[in-house]
Amino acid sequence: MKKEVLASGKYLSLVKRDGYEMVERINCTGVVVIIPVTDDGQIIFVEQFRPPIQMKSIELPAGLVSDTESAQGESMVDAAMRELEEETGFRAARFEEIGVWPTTSGMS
């Protein structure tokens, strides 16, 4: 597959591969989404301002998996633990992976 970089920023690159335009993440190996469930069964959400939509959004805690944390990069669980605490102030007693899939298969 021939790849042409059309534009590049701090976190994303716009590329064309075999005539199809898409984005690629820079400096990360993945994305984690956490579904934090409290002891009494409540799910914790976060509210964040999102510049692309110019408003606040209610969402699950999430974030990028860094490829610069160490020589081999950050693990998915380490990223999930870090993002959960950064975004909610909570720490989890355990993590359970429920799936792996593309976040936006038509764009990235």
Protein backbone atom coordinates (compact mmCIF):
# COMPACT_ATOMS: atom_id res chain seq x y z
CA MET A 1 0.00 0.00 0.00
CA LYS A 2 1.36 3.38 -1.00
CA LYS A 3 1.06 5.98 1.80
CA GLU A 4 1.20 9.75 1.29
CA VAL A 5 1.22 12.10 4.31
CA LEU A 6 -1.06 15.04 3.46
CA ALA A 7 -0.73 16.91 6.76
CA SER A 8 0.70 16.26 10.19
CA GLY A 9 0.10 17.79 13.61
CA LYS A 10 1.09 17.07 17.20
CA TYR A 11 -1.32 14.13 17.66
CA LEU A 12 -2.66 13.20 14.19
CA SER A 13 -1.54 12.79 10.60
CA LEU A 14 -3.83 12.96 7.60
CA VAL A 15 -2.69 10.32 5.13
CA LYS A 16 -3.79 8.97 1.79
CA ARG A 17 -3.39 5.24 1.24
CA ASP A 18 -4.45 3.78 -2.10
CA GLY A 19 -6.71 6.79 -2.75
CA TYR A 20 -8.43 6.63 0.67
CA GLU A 21 -7.96 9.55 3.09
CA MET A 22 -7.65 8.66 6.77
CA VAL A 23 -6.06 9.79 10.01
CA GLU A 24 -3.30 8.09 11.98
CA ARG A 25 -2.41 8.71 15.61
CA ILE A 26 1.09 9.96 16.36
CA ASN A 27 3.05 8.97 19.50
CA CYS A 28 0.58 6.40 20.73
CA THR A 29 -0.03 2.70 20.34
CA GLY A 30 -3.75 2.66 21.07
CA VAL A 31 -6.69 4.17 22.88
CA VAL A 32 -8.34 2.97 26.08
CA VAL A 33 -11.94 3.49 27.16
CA ILE A 34 -12.74 2.68 30.77
CA ILE A 35 -16.16 1.67 32.09
CA PRO A 36 -15.67 2.41 35.80
CA VAL A 37 -18.24 0.63 37.96
CA THR A 38 -18.51 1.49 41.66
CA ASP A 39 -19.08 -1.11 44.39
CA ASP A 40 -22.80 -0.27 44.30
CA GLY A 41 -23.04 -0.77 40.51
CA GLN A 42 -23.00 2.87 39.39
CA ILE A 43 -21.08 3.80 36.21
CA ILE A 44 -18.84 6.88 36.43
CA PHE A 45 -18.86 9.33 33.52
CA VAL A 46 -16.85 12.50 32.93
CA GLU A 47 -17.90 15.85 31.50
CA GLN A 48 -15.34 17.49 29.22
CA PHE A 49 -15.34 20.48 26.89
CA ARG A 50 -14.62 19.30 23.34
CA PRO A 51 -13.42 22.01 20.91
CA PRO A 52 -14.59 20.15 17.74
CA ILE A 53 -18.22 20.40 18.89
CA GLN A 54 -17.76 23.63 20.91
CA MET A 55 -19.59 22.22 23.92
CA LYS A 56 -19.28 19.86 26.85
CA SER A 57 -19.72 16.16 26.31
CA ILE A 58 -20.67 13.42 28.78
CA GLU A 59 -18.41 10.43 28.15
CA LEU A 60 -16.65 7.46 29.61
CA PRO A 61 -13.08 8.14 30.79
CA ALA A 62 -10.64 7.46 27.95
CA GLY A 63 -7.24 8.34 26.61
CA LEU A 64 -4.24 7.51 24.51
CA VAL A 65 -1.77 4.73 25.23
CA SER A 66 1.62 6.43 25.13
CA ASP A 67 4.49 4.93 23.17
CA THR A 68 7.01 7.12 25.01
CA GLU A 69 6.47 6.05 28.65
CA SER A 70 9.40 3.65 28.40
CA ALA A 71 11.50 1.91 25.79
CA GLN A 72 8.66 -0.55 25.04
CA GLY A 73 5.76 1.85 25.60
CA GLU A 74 2.91 1.93 28.08
CA SER A 75 0.66 -1.11 28.58
CA MET A 76 -3.09 -0.85 28.00
CA VAL A 77 -3.77 -1.50 31.70
CA ASP A 78 -1.22 1.11 32.79
CA ALA A 79 -2.85 3.63 30.44
CA ALA A 80 -6.33 2.74 31.73
CA MET A 81 -5.21 3.14 35.35
CA ARG A 82 -3.55 6.50 34.57
CA GLU A 83 -6.51 7.86 32.60
CA LEU A 84 -9.06 6.76 35.21
CA GLU A 85 -7.21 8.59 37.97
CA GLU A 86 -6.47 11.68 35.82
CA GLU A 87 -10.04 12.09 34.67
CA THR A 88 -12.04 10.99 37.72
CA GLY A 89 -9.71 10.92 40.73
CA PHE A 90 -10.69 7.27 41.30
CA ARG A 91 -8.43 4.22 41.39
CA ALA A 92 -9.65 0.78 40.41
CA ALA A 93 -9.18 -2.35 42.49
CA ARG A 94 -9.05 -4.40 39.26
CA PHE A 95 -9.32 -4.07 35.50
CA GLU A 96 -10.97 -6.50 33.12
CA GLU A 97 -10.52 -6.27 29.36
CA ILE A 98 -13.85 -6.67 27.59
CA GLY A 99 -12.75 -6.17 24.00
CA VAL A 100 -10.37 -4.77 21.43
CA TRP A 101 -11.65 -3.02 18.30
CA PRO A 102 -11.02 0.02 16.10
CA THR A 103 -12.51 3.24 17.43
CA THR A 104 -13.38 4.75 14.04
CA SER A 105 -12.77 2.13 11.39
CA GLY A 106 -13.82 4.43 8.56
CA MET A 107 -11.44 7.20 9.56
CA SER A 108 -8.42 5.79 11.38
